[in-house]
Amino acid sequence: RFQVGDTVEQSIDVDKRLLYSRLHTAGHVLGAAVRHLLEKEI
């Protein structure tokens, strides 16, 4: 088990990271699409 001061290697679940990144970018793109269409309409 680890102790304070130990050097450790971190590894993330890459498939989940890529899915979350795709979803996050897509959310911003959706936000941009809605803003550009409706900012002056609503």
PDB file of all heavy atoms in Angstrom:
ATOM      1  N   ARG A   1       0.838  -1.200   0.000  1.00  0.00           N
ATOM      2  CA  ARG A   1       0.000   0.000   0.000  1.00  0.00           C
ATOM      3  C   ARG A   1       0.872   1.249   0.000  1.00  0.00           C
ATOM      4  O   ARG A   1       2.001   1.234   0.478  1.00  0.00           O
ATOM      5  CB  ARG A   1      -0.928  -0.017   1.214  1.00  0.00           C
ATOM      6  CG  ARG A   1      -1.996  -1.100   1.113  1.00  0.00           C
ATOM      7  CD  ARG A   1      -3.104  -0.908   2.121  1.00  0.00           C
ATOM      8  NE  ARG A   1      -4.176  -1.875   1.915  1.00  0.00           N
ATOM      9  CZ  ARG A   1      -5.324  -1.860   2.569  1.00  0.00           C
ATOM     10  NH1 ARG A   1      -5.550  -0.920   3.491  1.00  0.00           N
ATOM     11  NH2 ARG A   1      -6.251  -2.763   2.330  1.00  0.00           N
ATOM     12  N   PHE A   2       0.301   2.340  -0.517  1.00  0.00           N
ATOM     13  CA  PHE A   2       1.089   3.556  -0.705  1.00  0.00           C
ATOM     14  C   PHE A   2       1.355   4.263   0.621  1.00  0.00           C
ATOM     15  O   PHE A   2       0.589   4.156   1.575  1.00  0.00           O
ATOM     16  CB  PHE A   2       0.355   4.529  -1.632  1.00  0.00           C
ATOM     17  CG  PHE A   2      -0.085   3.960  -2.947  1.00  0.00           C
ATOM     18  CD1 PHE A   2      -1.088   4.579  -3.678  1.00  0.00           C
ATOM     19  CD2 PHE A   2       0.492   2.805  -3.474  1.00  0.00           C
ATOM     20  CE1 PHE A   2      -1.522   4.074  -4.886  1.00  0.00           C
ATOM     21  CE2 PHE A   2       0.081   2.288  -4.690  1.00  0.00           C
ATOM     22  CZ  PHE A   2      -0.935   2.931  -5.389  1.00  0.00           C
ATOM     23  N   GLN A   3       2.443   5.031   0.609  1.00  0.00           N
ATOM     24  CA  GLN A   3       2.782   5.923   1.704  1.00  0.00           C
ATOM     25  C   GLN A   3       2.976   7.323   1.129  1.00  0.00           C
ATOM     26  O   GLN A   3       3.288   7.480  -0.061  1.00  0.00           O
ATOM     27  CB  GLN A   3       4.072   5.479   2.415  1.00  0.00           C
ATOM     28  CG  GLN A   3       4.046   4.063   2.950  1.00  0.00           C
ATOM     29  CD  GLN A   3       3.063   3.892   4.094  1.00  0.00           C
ATOM     30  OE1 GLN A   3       2.881   4.806   4.899  1.00  0.00           O
ATOM     31  NE2 GLN A   3       2.428   2.726   4.165  1.00  0.00           N
ATOM     32  N   VAL A   4       2.777   8.328   1.956  1.00  0.00           N
ATOM     33  CA  VAL A   4       3.058   9.690   1.521  1.00  0.00           C
ATOM     34  C   VAL A   4       4.508   9.779   1.064  1.00  0.00           C
ATOM     35  O   VAL A   4       5.415   9.278   1.729  1.00  0.00           O
ATOM     36  CB  VAL A   4       2.787  10.701   2.660  1.00  0.00           C
ATOM     37  CG1 VAL A   4       3.266  12.101   2.271  1.00  0.00           C
ATOM     38  CG2 VAL A   4       1.301  10.723   2.996  1.00  0.00           C
ATOM     39  N   GLY A   5       4.724  10.372  -0.095  1.00  0.00           N
ATOM     40  CA  GLY A   5       6.070  10.478  -0.661  1.00  0.00           C
ATOM     41  C   GLY A   5       6.378   9.424  -1.701  1.00  0.00           C
ATOM     42  O   GLY A   5       7.359   9.552  -2.440  1.00  0.00           O
ATOM     43  N   ASP A   6       5.537   8.388  -1.791  1.00  0.00           N
ATOM     44  CA  ASP A   6       5.752   7.355  -2.801  1.00  0.00           C
ATOM     45  C   ASP A   6       5.495   7.905  -4.205  1.00  0.00           C
ATOM     46  O   ASP A   6       4.598   8.736  -4.411  1.00  0.00           O
ATOM     47  CB  ASP A   6       4.800   6.172  -2.584  1.00  0.00           C
ATOM     48  CG  ASP A   6       5.226   5.264  -1.449  1.00  0.00           C
ATOM     49  OD1 ASP A   6       6.375   5.399  -0.978  1.00  0.00           O
ATOM     50  OD2 ASP A   6       4.410   4.412  -1.041  1.00  0.00           O
ATOM     51  N   THR A   7       6.257   7.411  -5.164  1.00  0.00           N
ATOM     52  CA  THR A   7       5.989   7.695  -6.571  1.00  0.00           C
ATOM     53  C   THR A   7       5.083   6.603  -7.121  1.00  0.00           C
ATOM     54  O   THR A   7       5.362   5.405  -6.951  1.00  0.00           O
ATOM     55  CB  THR A   7       7.294   7.742  -7.378  1.00  0.00           C
ATOM     56  OG1 THR A   7       8.099   8.833  -6.901  1.00  0.00           O
ATOM     57  CG2 THR A   7       7.021   7.952  -8.858  1.00  0.00           C
ATOM     58  N   VAL A   8       3.980   7.012  -7.736  1.00  0.00           N
ATOM     59  CA  VAL A   8       3.021   6.063  -8.290  1.00  0.00           C
ATOM     60  C   VAL A   8       2.749   6.428  -9.746  1.00  0.00           C
ATOM     61  O   VAL A   8       3.010   7.554 -10.182  1.00  0.00           O
ATOM     62  CB  VAL A   8       1.699   6.070  -7.498  1.00  0.00           C
ATOM     63  CG1 VAL A   8       1.942   5.618  -6.062  1.00  0.00           C
ATOM     64  CG2 VAL A   8       1.042   7.450  -7.509  1.00  0.00           C
ATOM     65  N   GLU A   9       2.221   5.464 -10.481  1.00  0.00           N
ATOM     66  CA  GLU A   9       1.838   5.738 -11.869  1.00  0.00           C
ATOM     67  C   GLU A   9       0.317   5.729 -11.967  1.00  0.00           C
ATOM     68  O   GLU A   9      -0.341   4.763 -11.555  1.00  0.00           O
ATOM     69  CB  GLU A   9       2.414   4.720 -12.841  1.00  0.00           C
ATOM     70  CG  GLU A   9       2.013   5.043 -14.284  1.00  0.00           C
ATOM     71  CD  GLU A   9       2.747   4.238 -15.337  1.00  0.00           C
ATOM     72  OE1 GLU A   9       2.363   3.080 -15.567  1.00  0.00           O
ATOM     73  OE2 GLU A   9       3.705   4.787 -15.916  1.00  0.00           O
ATOM     74  N   GLN A  10      -0.211   6.797 -12.510  1.00  0.00           N
ATOM     75  CA  GLN A  10      -1.648   6.891 -12.746  1.00  0.00           C
ATOM     76  C   GLN A  10      -1.963   6.428 -14.169  1.00  0.00           C
ATOM     77  O   GLN A  10      -1.227   6.749 -15.111  1.00  0.00           O
ATOM     78  CB  GLN A  10      -2.128   8.336 -12.586  1.00  0.00           C
ATOM     79  CG  GLN A  10      -1.963   8.915 -11.200  1.00  0.00           C
ATOM     80  CD  GLN A  10      -2.455  10.353 -11.127  1.00  0.00           C
ATOM     81  OE1 GLN A  10      -2.527  11.050 -12.137  1.00  0.00           O
ATOM     82  NE2 GLN A  10      -2.772  10.809  -9.928  1.00  0.00           N
ATOM     83  N   SER A  11      -3.053   5.694 -14.315  1.00  0.00           N
ATOM     84  CA  SER A  11      -3.553   5.290 -15.627  1.00  0.00           C
ATOM     85  C   SER A  11      -5.065   5.444 -15.612  1.00  0.00           C
ATOM     86  O   SER A  11      -5.729   4.936 -14.707  1.00  0.00           O
ATOM     87  CB  SER A  11      -3.199   3.828 -15.931  1.00  0.00           C
ATOM     88  OG  SER A  11      -1.808   3.616 -15.909  1.00  0.00           O
ATOM     89  N   ILE A  12      -5.607   6.130 -16.610  1.00  0.00           N
ATOM     90  CA  ILE A  12      -7.052   6.316 -16.660  1.00  0.00           C
ATOM     91  C   ILE A  12      -7.681   5.334 -17.641  1.00  0.00           C
ATOM     92  O   ILE A  12      -7.020   4.771 -18.509  1.00  0.00           O
ATOM     93  CB  ILE A  12      -7.437   7.759 -17.047  1.00  0.00           C
ATOM     94  CG1 ILE A  12      -6.910   8.112 -18.442  1.00  0.00           C
ATOM     95  CG2 ILE A  12      -6.975   8.753 -16.007  1.00  0.00           C
ATOM     96  CD1 ILE A  12      -7.468   9.412 -18.975  1.00  0.00           C
ATOM     97  N   ASP A  13      -8.994   5.129 -17.484  1.00  0.00           N
ATOM     98  CA  ASP A  13      -9.772   4.344 -18.429  1.00  0.00           C
ATOM     99  C   ASP A  13      -9.929   5.189 -19.695  1.00  0.00           C
ATOM    100  O   ASP A  13     -10.716   6.140 -19.725  1.00  0.00           O
ATOM    101  CB  ASP A  13     -11.137   4.012 -17.818  1.00  0.00           C
ATOM    102  CG  ASP A  13     -11.994   3.113 -18.704  1.00  0.00           C
ATOM    103  OD1 ASP A  13     -11.991   3.315 -19.933  1.00  0.00           O
ATOM    104  OD2 ASP A  13     -12.682   2.235 -18.155  1.00  0.00           O
ATOM    105  N   VAL A  14      -9.170   4.853 -20.727  1.00  0.00           N
ATOM    106  CA  VAL A  14      -9.106   5.699 -21.922  1.00  0.00           C
ATOM    107  C   VAL A  14     -10.429   5.715 -22.670  1.00  0.00           C
ATOM    108  O   VAL A  14     -10.857   6.767 -23.174  1.00  0.00           O
ATOM    109  CB  VAL A  14      -7.961   5.225 -22.853  1.00  0.00           C
ATOM    110  CG1 VAL A  14      -7.938   6.054 -24.133  1.00  0.00           C
ATOM    111  CG2 VAL A  14      -6.620   5.335 -22.138  1.00  0.00           C
ATOM    112  N   ASP A  15     -11.110   4.577 -22.754  1.00  0.00           N
ATOM    113  CA  ASP A  15     -12.377   4.533 -23.488  1.00  0.00           C
ATOM    114  C   ASP A  15     -13.408   5.466 -22.864  1.00  0.00           C
ATOM    115  O   ASP A  15     -14.126   6.185 -23.573  1.00  0.00           O
ATOM    116  CB  ASP A  15     -12.924   3.108 -23.529  1.00  0.00           C
ATOM    117  CG  ASP A  15     -12.116   2.192 -24.445  1.00  0.00           C
ATOM    118  OD1 ASP A  15     -11.396   2.720 -25.310  1.00  0.00           O
ATOM    119  OD2 ASP A  15     -12.219   0.963 -24.289  1.00  0.00           O
ATOM    120  N   LYS A  16     -13.484   5.473 -21.533  1.00  0.00           N
ATOM    121  CA  LYS A  16     -14.432   6.372 -20.867  1.00  0.00           C
ATOM    122  C   LYS A  16     -14.017   7.822 -21.064  1.00  0.00           C
ATOM    123  O   LYS A  16     -14.864   8.693 -21.319  1.00  0.00           O
ATOM    124  CB  LYS A  16     -14.542   6.026 -19.380  1.00  0.00           C
ATOM    125  CG  LYS A  16     -15.326   4.759 -19.114  1.00  0.00           C
ATOM    126  CD  LYS A  16     -15.530   4.505 -17.630  1.00  0.00           C
ATOM    127  CE  LYS A  16     -16.393   3.264 -17.420  1.00  0.00           C
ATOM    128  NZ  LYS A  16     -16.607   2.962 -15.992  1.00  0.00           N
ATOM    129  N   ARG A  17     -12.725   8.120 -20.950  1.00  0.00           N
ATOM    130  CA  ARG A  17     -12.262   9.495 -21.177  1.00  0.00           C
ATOM    131  C   ARG A  17     -12.654   9.975 -22.564  1.00  0.00           C
ATOM    132  O   ARG A  17     -13.137  11.114 -22.731  1.00  0.00           O
ATOM    133  CB  ARG A  17     -10.748   9.570 -20.984  1.00  0.00           C
ATOM    134  CG  ARG A  17     -10.081  10.802 -21.601  1.00  0.00           C
ATOM    135  CD  ARG A  17     -10.494  12.137 -20.975  1.00  0.00           C
ATOM    136  NE  ARG A  17      -9.957  12.278 -19.664  1.00  0.00           N
ATOM    137  CZ  ARG A  17      -8.699  12.655 -19.390  1.00  0.00           C
ATOM    138  NH1 ARG A  17      -7.853  12.921 -20.380  1.00  0.00           N
ATOM    139  NH2 ARG A  17      -8.303  12.781 -18.148  1.00  0.00           N
ATOM    140  N   LEU A  18     -12.440   9.149 -23.578  1.00  0.00           N
ATOM    141  CA  LEU A  18     -12.758   9.570 -24.942  1.00  0.00           C
ATOM    142  C   LEU A  18     -14.256   9.792 -25.120  1.00  0.00           C
ATOM    143  O   LEU A  18     -14.677  10.739 -25.792  1.00  0.00           O
ATOM    144  CB  LEU A  18     -12.250   8.541 -25.946  1.00  0.00           C
ATOM    145  CG  LEU A  18     -10.727   8.436 -26.063  1.00  0.00           C
ATOM    146  CD1 LEU A  18     -10.336   7.302 -27.006  1.00  0.00           C
ATOM    147  CD2 LEU A  18     -10.113   9.748 -26.532  1.00  0.00           C
ATOM    148  N   LEU A  19     -15.076   8.942 -24.507  1.00  0.00           N
ATOM    149  CA  LEU A  19     -16.520   9.143 -24.578  1.00  0.00           C
ATOM    150  C   LEU A  19     -16.912  10.448 -23.903  1.00  0.00           C
ATOM    151  O   LEU A  19     -17.694  11.241 -24.460  1.00  0.00           O
ATOM    152  CB  LEU A  19     -17.248   7.972 -23.922  1.00  0.00           C
ATOM    153  CG  LEU A  19     -18.776   8.116 -23.799  1.00  0.00           C
ATOM    154  CD1 LEU A  19     -19.423   8.282 -25.174  1.00  0.00           C
ATOM    155  CD2 LEU A  19     -19.364   6.932 -23.054  1.00  0.00           C
ATOM    156  N   TYR A  20     -16.378  10.708 -22.714  1.00  0.00           N
ATOM    157  CA  TYR A  20     -16.714  11.945 -22.007  1.00  0.00           C
ATOM    158  C   TYR A  20     -16.244  13.168 -22.799  1.00  0.00           C
ATOM    159  O   TYR A  20     -16.931  14.197 -22.831  1.00  0.00           O
ATOM    160  CB  TYR A  20     -16.079  11.953 -20.615  1.00  0.00           C
ATOM    161  CG  TYR A  20     -16.524  10.832 -19.707  1.00  0.00           C
ATOM    162  CD1 TYR A  20     -15.748  10.440 -18.616  1.00  0.00           C
ATOM    163  CD2 TYR A  20     -17.713  10.142 -19.935  1.00  0.00           C
ATOM    164  CE1 TYR A  20     -16.147   9.409 -17.776  1.00  0.00           C
ATOM    165  CE2 TYR A  20     -18.114   9.102 -19.098  1.00  0.00           C
ATOM    166  CZ  TYR A  20     -17.329   8.744 -18.023  1.00  0.00           C
ATOM    167  OH  TYR A  20     -17.713   7.719 -17.196  1.00  0.00           O
ATOM    168  N   SER A  21     -15.089  13.059 -23.444  1.00  0.00           N
ATOM    169  CA  SER A  21     -14.576  14.179 -24.239  1.00  0.00           C
ATOM    170  C   SER A  21     -15.463  14.442 -25.448  1.00  0.00           C
ATOM    171  O   SER A  21     -15.742  15.597 -25.797  1.00  0.00           O
ATOM    172  CB  SER A  21     -13.139  13.885 -24.687  1.00  0.00           C
ATOM    173  OG  SER A  21     -12.270  13.761 -23.582  1.00  0.00           O
ATOM    174  N   ARG A  22     -15.899  13.368 -26.112  1.00  0.00           N
ATOM    175  CA  ARG A  22     -16.804  13.525 -27.253  1.00  0.00           C
ATOM    176  C   ARG A  22     -18.106  14.189 -26.817  1.00  0.00           C
ATOM    177  O   ARG A  22     -18.615  15.101 -27.482  1.00  0.00           O
ATOM    178  CB  ARG A  22     -17.085  12.171 -27.893  1.00  0.00           C
ATOM    179  CG  ARG A  22     -15.905  11.546 -28.624  1.00  0.00           C
ATOM    180  CD  ARG A  22     -16.229  10.121 -29.059  1.00  0.00           C
ATOM    181  NE  ARG A  22     -17.416  10.095 -29.904  1.00  0.00           N
ATOM    182  CZ  ARG A  22     -18.325   9.119 -29.892  1.00  0.00           C
ATOM    183  NH1 ARG A  22     -18.208   8.098 -29.048  1.00  0.00           N
ATOM    184  NH2 ARG A  22     -19.362   9.180 -30.702  1.00  0.00           N
ATOM    185  N   LEU A  23     -18.654  13.719 -25.704  1.00  0.00           N
ATOM    186  CA  LEU A  23     -19.907  14.290 -25.201  1.00  0.00           C
ATOM    187  C   LEU A  23     -19.737  15.754 -24.797  1.00  0.00           C
ATOM    188  O   LEU A  23     -20.627  16.587 -25.049  1.00  0.00           O
ATOM    189  CB  LEU A  23     -20.408  13.475 -24.017  1.00  0.00           C
ATOM    190  CG  LEU A  23     -21.118  12.166 -24.357  1.00  0.00           C
ATOM    191  CD1 LEU A  23     -21.164  11.250 -23.133  1.00  0.00           C
ATOM    192  CD2 LEU A  23     -22.528  12.429 -24.872  1.00  0.00           C
ATOM    193  N   HIS A  24     -18.594  16.084 -24.182  1.00  0.00           N
ATOM    194  CA  HIS A  24     -18.383  17.453 -23.712  1.00  0.00           C
ATOM    195  C   HIS A  24     -18.249  18.405 -24.902  1.00  0.00           C
ATOM    196  O   HIS A  24     -18.900  19.462 -24.950  1.00  0.00           O
ATOM    197  CB  HIS A  24     -17.143  17.522 -22.820  1.00  0.00           C
ATOM    198  CG  HIS A  24     -17.158  18.689 -21.899  1.00  0.00           C
ATOM    199  ND1 HIS A  24     -16.588  18.679 -20.648  1.00  0.00           N
ATOM    200  CD2 HIS A  24     -17.671  19.941 -22.035  1.00  0.00           C
ATOM    201  CE1 HIS A  24     -16.750  19.848 -20.066  1.00  0.00           C
ATOM    202  NE2 HIS A  24     -17.405  20.639 -20.903  1.00  0.00           N
ATOM    203  N   THR A  25     -17.435  18.028 -25.884  1.00  0.00           N
ATOM    204  CA  THR A  25     -17.307  18.881 -27.069  1.00  0.00           C
ATOM    205  C   THR A  25     -18.646  19.007 -27.785  1.00  0.00           C
ATOM    206  O   THR A  25     -19.043  20.107 -28.199  1.00  0.00           O
ATOM    207  CB  THR A  25     -16.244  18.320 -28.026  1.00  0.00           C
ATOM    208  OG1 THR A  25     -14.992  18.218 -27.344  1.00  0.00           O
ATOM    209  CG2 THR A  25     -16.075  19.228 -29.240  1.00  0.00           C
ATOM    210  N   ALA A  26     -19.348  17.888 -27.919  1.00  0.00           N
ATOM    211  CA  ALA A  26     -20.651  17.925 -28.593  1.00  0.00           C
ATOM    212  C   ALA A  26     -21.617  18.866 -27.874  1.00  0.00           C
ATOM    213  O   ALA A  26     -22.414  19.564 -28.513  1.00  0.00           O
ATOM    214  CB  ALA A  26     -21.240  16.520 -28.670  1.00  0.00           C
ATOM    215  N   GLY A  27     -21.549  18.913 -26.545  1.00  0.00           N
ATOM    216  CA  GLY A  27     -22.403  19.822 -25.793  1.00  0.00           C
ATOM    217  C   GLY A  27     -22.104  21.278 -26.106  1.00  0.00           C
ATOM    218  O   GLY A  27     -23.020  22.105 -26.254  1.00  0.00           O
ATOM    219  N   HIS A  28     -20.823  21.593 -26.220  1.00  0.00           N
ATOM    220  CA  HIS A  28     -20.466  22.966 -26.579  1.00  0.00           C
ATOM    221  C   HIS A  28     -20.897  23.300 -28.012  1.00  0.00           C
ATOM    222  O   HIS A  28     -21.354  24.417 -28.300  1.00  0.00           O
ATOM    223  CB  HIS A  28     -18.955  23.176 -26.440  1.00  0.00           C
ATOM    224  CG  HIS A  28     -18.492  23.300 -25.031  1.00  0.00           C
ATOM    225  ND1 HIS A  28     -19.301  23.697 -23.998  1.00  0.00           N
ATOM    226  CD2 HIS A  28     -17.260  23.084 -24.469  1.00  0.00           C
ATOM    227  CE1 HIS A  28     -18.619  23.719 -22.870  1.00  0.00           C
ATOM    228  NE2 HIS A  28     -17.380  23.344 -23.125  1.00  0.00           N
ATOM    229  N   VAL A  29     -20.731  22.337 -28.911  1.00  0.00           N
ATOM    230  CA  VAL A  29     -21.149  22.574 -30.295  1.00  0.00           C
ATOM    231  C   VAL A  29     -22.664  22.770 -30.364  1.00  0.00           C
ATOM    232  O   VAL A  29     -23.161  23.647 -31.078  1.00  0.00           O
ATOM    233  CB  VAL A  29     -20.706  21.409 -31.204  1.00  0.00           C
ATOM    234  CG1 VAL A  29     -21.205  21.627 -32.635  1.00  0.00           C
ATOM    235  CG2 VAL A  29     -19.177  21.285 -31.202  1.00  0.00           C
ATOM    236  N   LEU A  30     -23.401  21.976 -29.606  1.00  0.00           N
ATOM    237  CA  LEU A  30     -24.852  22.150 -29.543  1.00  0.00           C
ATOM    238  C   LEU A  30     -25.205  23.524 -28.991  1.00  0.00           C
ATOM    239  O   LEU A  30     -26.077  24.222 -29.523  1.00  0.00           O
ATOM    240  CB  LEU A  30     -25.469  21.057 -28.677  1.00  0.00           C
ATOM    241  CG  LEU A  30     -26.972  21.187 -28.376  1.00  0.00           C
ATOM    242  CD1 LEU A  30     -27.794  21.167 -29.654  1.00  0.00           C
ATOM    243  CD2 LEU A  30     -27.423  20.077 -27.424  1.00  0.00           C
ATOM    244  N   GLY A  31     -24.535  23.927 -27.911  1.00  0.00           N
ATOM    245  CA  GLY A  31     -24.781  25.246 -27.338  1.00  0.00           C
ATOM    246  C   GLY A  31     -24.528  26.354 -28.346  1.00  0.00           C
ATOM    247  O   GLY A  31     -25.312  27.321 -28.445  1.00  0.00           O
ATOM    248  N   ALA A  32     -23.439  26.214 -29.123  1.00  0.00           N
ATOM    249  CA  ALA A  32     -23.121  27.209 -30.141  1.00  0.00           C
ATOM    250  C   ALA A  32     -24.190  27.236 -31.231  1.00  0.00           C
ATOM    251  O   ALA A  32     -24.606  28.302 -31.694  1.00  0.00           O
ATOM    252  CB  ALA A  32     -21.750  26.911 -30.746  1.00  0.00           C
ATOM    253  N   ALA A  33     -24.655  26.052 -31.649  1.00  0.00           N
ATOM    254  CA  ALA A  33     -25.677  25.982 -32.692  1.00  0.00           C
ATOM    255  C   ALA A  33     -26.966  26.659 -32.237  1.00  0.00           C
ATOM    256  O   ALA A  33     -27.580  27.429 -32.988  1.00  0.00           O
ATOM    257  CB  ALA A  33     -25.929  24.517 -33.056  1.00  0.00           C
ATOM    258  N   VAL A  34     -27.380  26.385 -31.007  1.00  0.00           N
ATOM    259  CA  VAL A  34     -28.614  26.978 -30.490  1.00  0.00           C
ATOM    260  C   VAL A  34     -28.458  28.489 -30.356  1.00  0.00           C
ATOM    261  O   VAL A  34     -29.353  29.262 -30.729  1.00  0.00           O
ATOM    262  CB  VAL A  34     -29.001  26.336 -29.139  1.00  0.00           C
ATOM    263  CG1 VAL A  34     -30.193  27.055 -28.527  1.00  0.00           C
ATOM    264  CG2 VAL A  34     -29.325  24.853 -29.335  1.00  0.00           C
ATOM    265  N   ARG A  35     -27.309  28.927 -29.832  1.00  0.00           N
ATOM    266  CA  ARG A  35     -27.091  30.376 -29.686  1.00  0.00           C
ATOM    267  C   ARG A  35     -27.147  31.074 -31.043  1.00  0.00           C
ATOM    268  O   ARG A  35     -27.809  32.108 -31.202  1.00  0.00           O
ATOM    269  CB  ARG A  35     -25.757  30.652 -28.991  1.00  0.00           C
ATOM    270  CG  ARG A  35     -25.428  32.150 -28.906  1.00  0.00           C
ATOM    271  CD  ARG A  35     -24.183  32.431 -28.094  1.00  0.00           C
ATOM    272  NE  ARG A  35     -24.426  32.238 -26.673  1.00  0.00           N
ATOM    273  CZ  ARG A  35     -25.016  33.137 -25.881  1.00  0.00           C
ATOM    274  NH1 ARG A  35     -25.451  34.293 -26.376  1.00  0.00           N
ATOM    275  NH2 ARG A  35     -25.183  32.879 -24.596  1.00  0.00           N
ATOM    276  N   HIS A  36     -26.453  30.543 -32.026  1.00  0.00           N
ATOM    277  CA  HIS A  36     -26.388  31.212 -33.322  1.00  0.00           C
ATOM    278  C   HIS A  36     -27.748  31.240 -34.013  1.00  0.00           C
ATOM    279  O   HIS A  36     -28.045  32.165 -34.778  1.00  0.00           O
ATOM    280  CB  HIS A  36     -25.349  30.526 -34.208  1.00  0.00           C
ATOM    281  CG  HIS A  36     -23.944  30.838 -33.807  1.00  0.00           C
ATOM    282  ND1 HIS A  36     -22.873  30.780 -34.684  1.00  0.00           N
ATOM    283  CD2 HIS A  36     -23.412  31.234 -32.623  1.00  0.00           C
ATOM    284  CE1 HIS A  36     -21.753  31.121 -34.044  1.00  0.00           C
ATOM    285  NE2 HIS A  36     -22.068  31.395 -32.800  1.00  0.00           N
ATOM    286  N   LEU A  37     -28.577  30.251 -33.742  1.00  0.00           N
ATOM    287  CA  LEU A  37     -29.911  30.221 -34.335  1.00  0.00           C
ATOM    288  C   LEU A  37     -30.922  31.100 -33.591  1.00  0.00           C
ATOM    289  O   LEU A  37     -31.750  31.767 -34.215  1.00  0.00           O
ATOM    290  CB  LEU A  37     -30.443  28.787 -34.347  1.00  0.00           C
ATOM    291  CG  LEU A  37     -30.014  27.868 -35.478  1.00  0.00           C
ATOM    292  CD1 LEU A  37     -30.515  26.455 -35.197  1.00  0.00           C
ATOM    293  CD2 LEU A  37     -30.553  28.357 -36.826  1.00  0.00           C
ATOM    294  N   LEU A  38     -30.858  31.103 -32.270  1.00  0.00           N
ATOM    295  CA  LEU A  38     -31.983  31.604 -31.483  1.00  0.00           C
ATOM    296  C   LEU A  38     -31.689  32.810 -30.600  1.00  0.00           C
ATOM    297  O   LEU A  38     -32.613  33.350 -29.984  1.00  0.00           O
ATOM    298  CB  LEU A  38     -32.525  30.469 -30.594  1.00  0.00           C
ATOM    299  CG  LEU A  38     -33.004  29.218 -31.346  1.00  0.00           C
ATOM    300  CD1 LEU A  38     -33.531  28.177 -30.382  1.00  0.00           C
ATOM    301  CD2 LEU A  38     -34.072  29.582 -32.368  1.00  0.00           C
ATOM    302  N   GLU A  39     -30.439  33.244 -30.534  1.00  0.00           N
ATOM    303  CA  GLU A  39     -30.114  34.358 -29.645  1.00  0.00           C
ATOM    304  C   GLU A  39     -30.986  35.577 -29.909  1.00  0.00           C
ATOM    305  O   GLU A  39     -31.388  36.286 -28.977  1.00  0.00           O
ATOM    306  CB  GLU A  39     -28.636  34.713 -29.788  1.00  0.00           C
ATOM    307  CG  GLU A  39     -28.170  35.781 -28.827  1.00  0.00           C
ATOM    308  CD  GLU A  39     -26.662  35.985 -28.887  1.00  0.00           C
ATOM    309  OE1 GLU A  39     -26.043  35.653 -29.914  1.00  0.00           O
ATOM    310  OE2 GLU A  39     -26.103  36.471 -27.886  1.00  0.00           O
ATOM    311  N   LYS A  40     -31.298  35.833 -31.181  1.00  0.00           N
ATOM    312  CA  LYS A  40     -32.094  37.007 -31.531  1.00  0.00           C
ATOM    313  C   LYS A  40     -33.567  36.663 -31.736  1.00  0.00           C
ATOM    314  O   LYS A  40     -34.383  37.546 -32.027  1.00  0.00           O
ATOM    315  CB  LYS A  40     -31.528  37.654 -32.797  1.00  0.00           C
ATOM    316  CG  LYS A  40     -30.114  38.201 -32.608  1.00  0.00           C
ATOM    317  CD  LYS A  40     -29.582  38.833 -33.880  1.00  0.00           C
ATOM    318  CE  LYS A  40     -28.171  39.360 -33.676  1.00  0.00           C
ATOM    319  NZ  LYS A  40     -27.606  39.955 -34.936  1.00  0.00           N
ATOM    320  N   GLU A  41     -33.905  35.389 -31.594  1.00  0.00           N
ATOM    321  CA  GLU A  41     -35.277  34.950 -31.817  1.00  0.00           C
ATOM    322  C   GLU A  41     -36.073  34.812 -30.519  1.00  0.00           C
ATOM    323  O   GLU A  41     -37.306  34.911 -30.529  1.00  0.00           O
ATOM    324  CB  GLU A  41     -35.286  33.593 -32.541  1.00  0.00           C
ATOM    325  CG  GLU A  41     -34.624  33.586 -33.902  1.00  0.00           C
ATOM    326  CD  GLU A  41     -35.481  34.261 -34.953  1.00  0.00           C
ATOM    327  OE1 GLU A  41     -36.704  34.368 -34.740  1.00  0.00           O
ATOM    328  OE2 GLU A  41     -34.919  34.698 -35.985  1.00  0.00           O
ATOM    329  N   ILE A  42     -35.375  34.573 -29.417  1.00  0.00           N
ATOM    330  CA  ILE A  42     -36.049  34.272 -28.158  1.00  0.00           C
ATOM    331  C   ILE A  42     -35.716  35.345 -27.124  1.00  0.00           C
ATOM    332  O   ILE A  42     -34.543  35.547 -26.788  1.00  0.00           O
ATOM    333  CB  ILE A  42     -35.627  32.882 -27.645  1.00  0.00           C
ATOM    334  CG1 ILE A  42     -36.112  31.808 -28.629  1.00  0.00           C
ATOM    335  CG2 ILE A  42     -36.182  32.626 -26.248  1.00  0.00           C
ATOM    336  CD1 ILE A  42     -35.734  30.411 -28.245  1.00  0.00           C
TER     337      ILE A  42
END
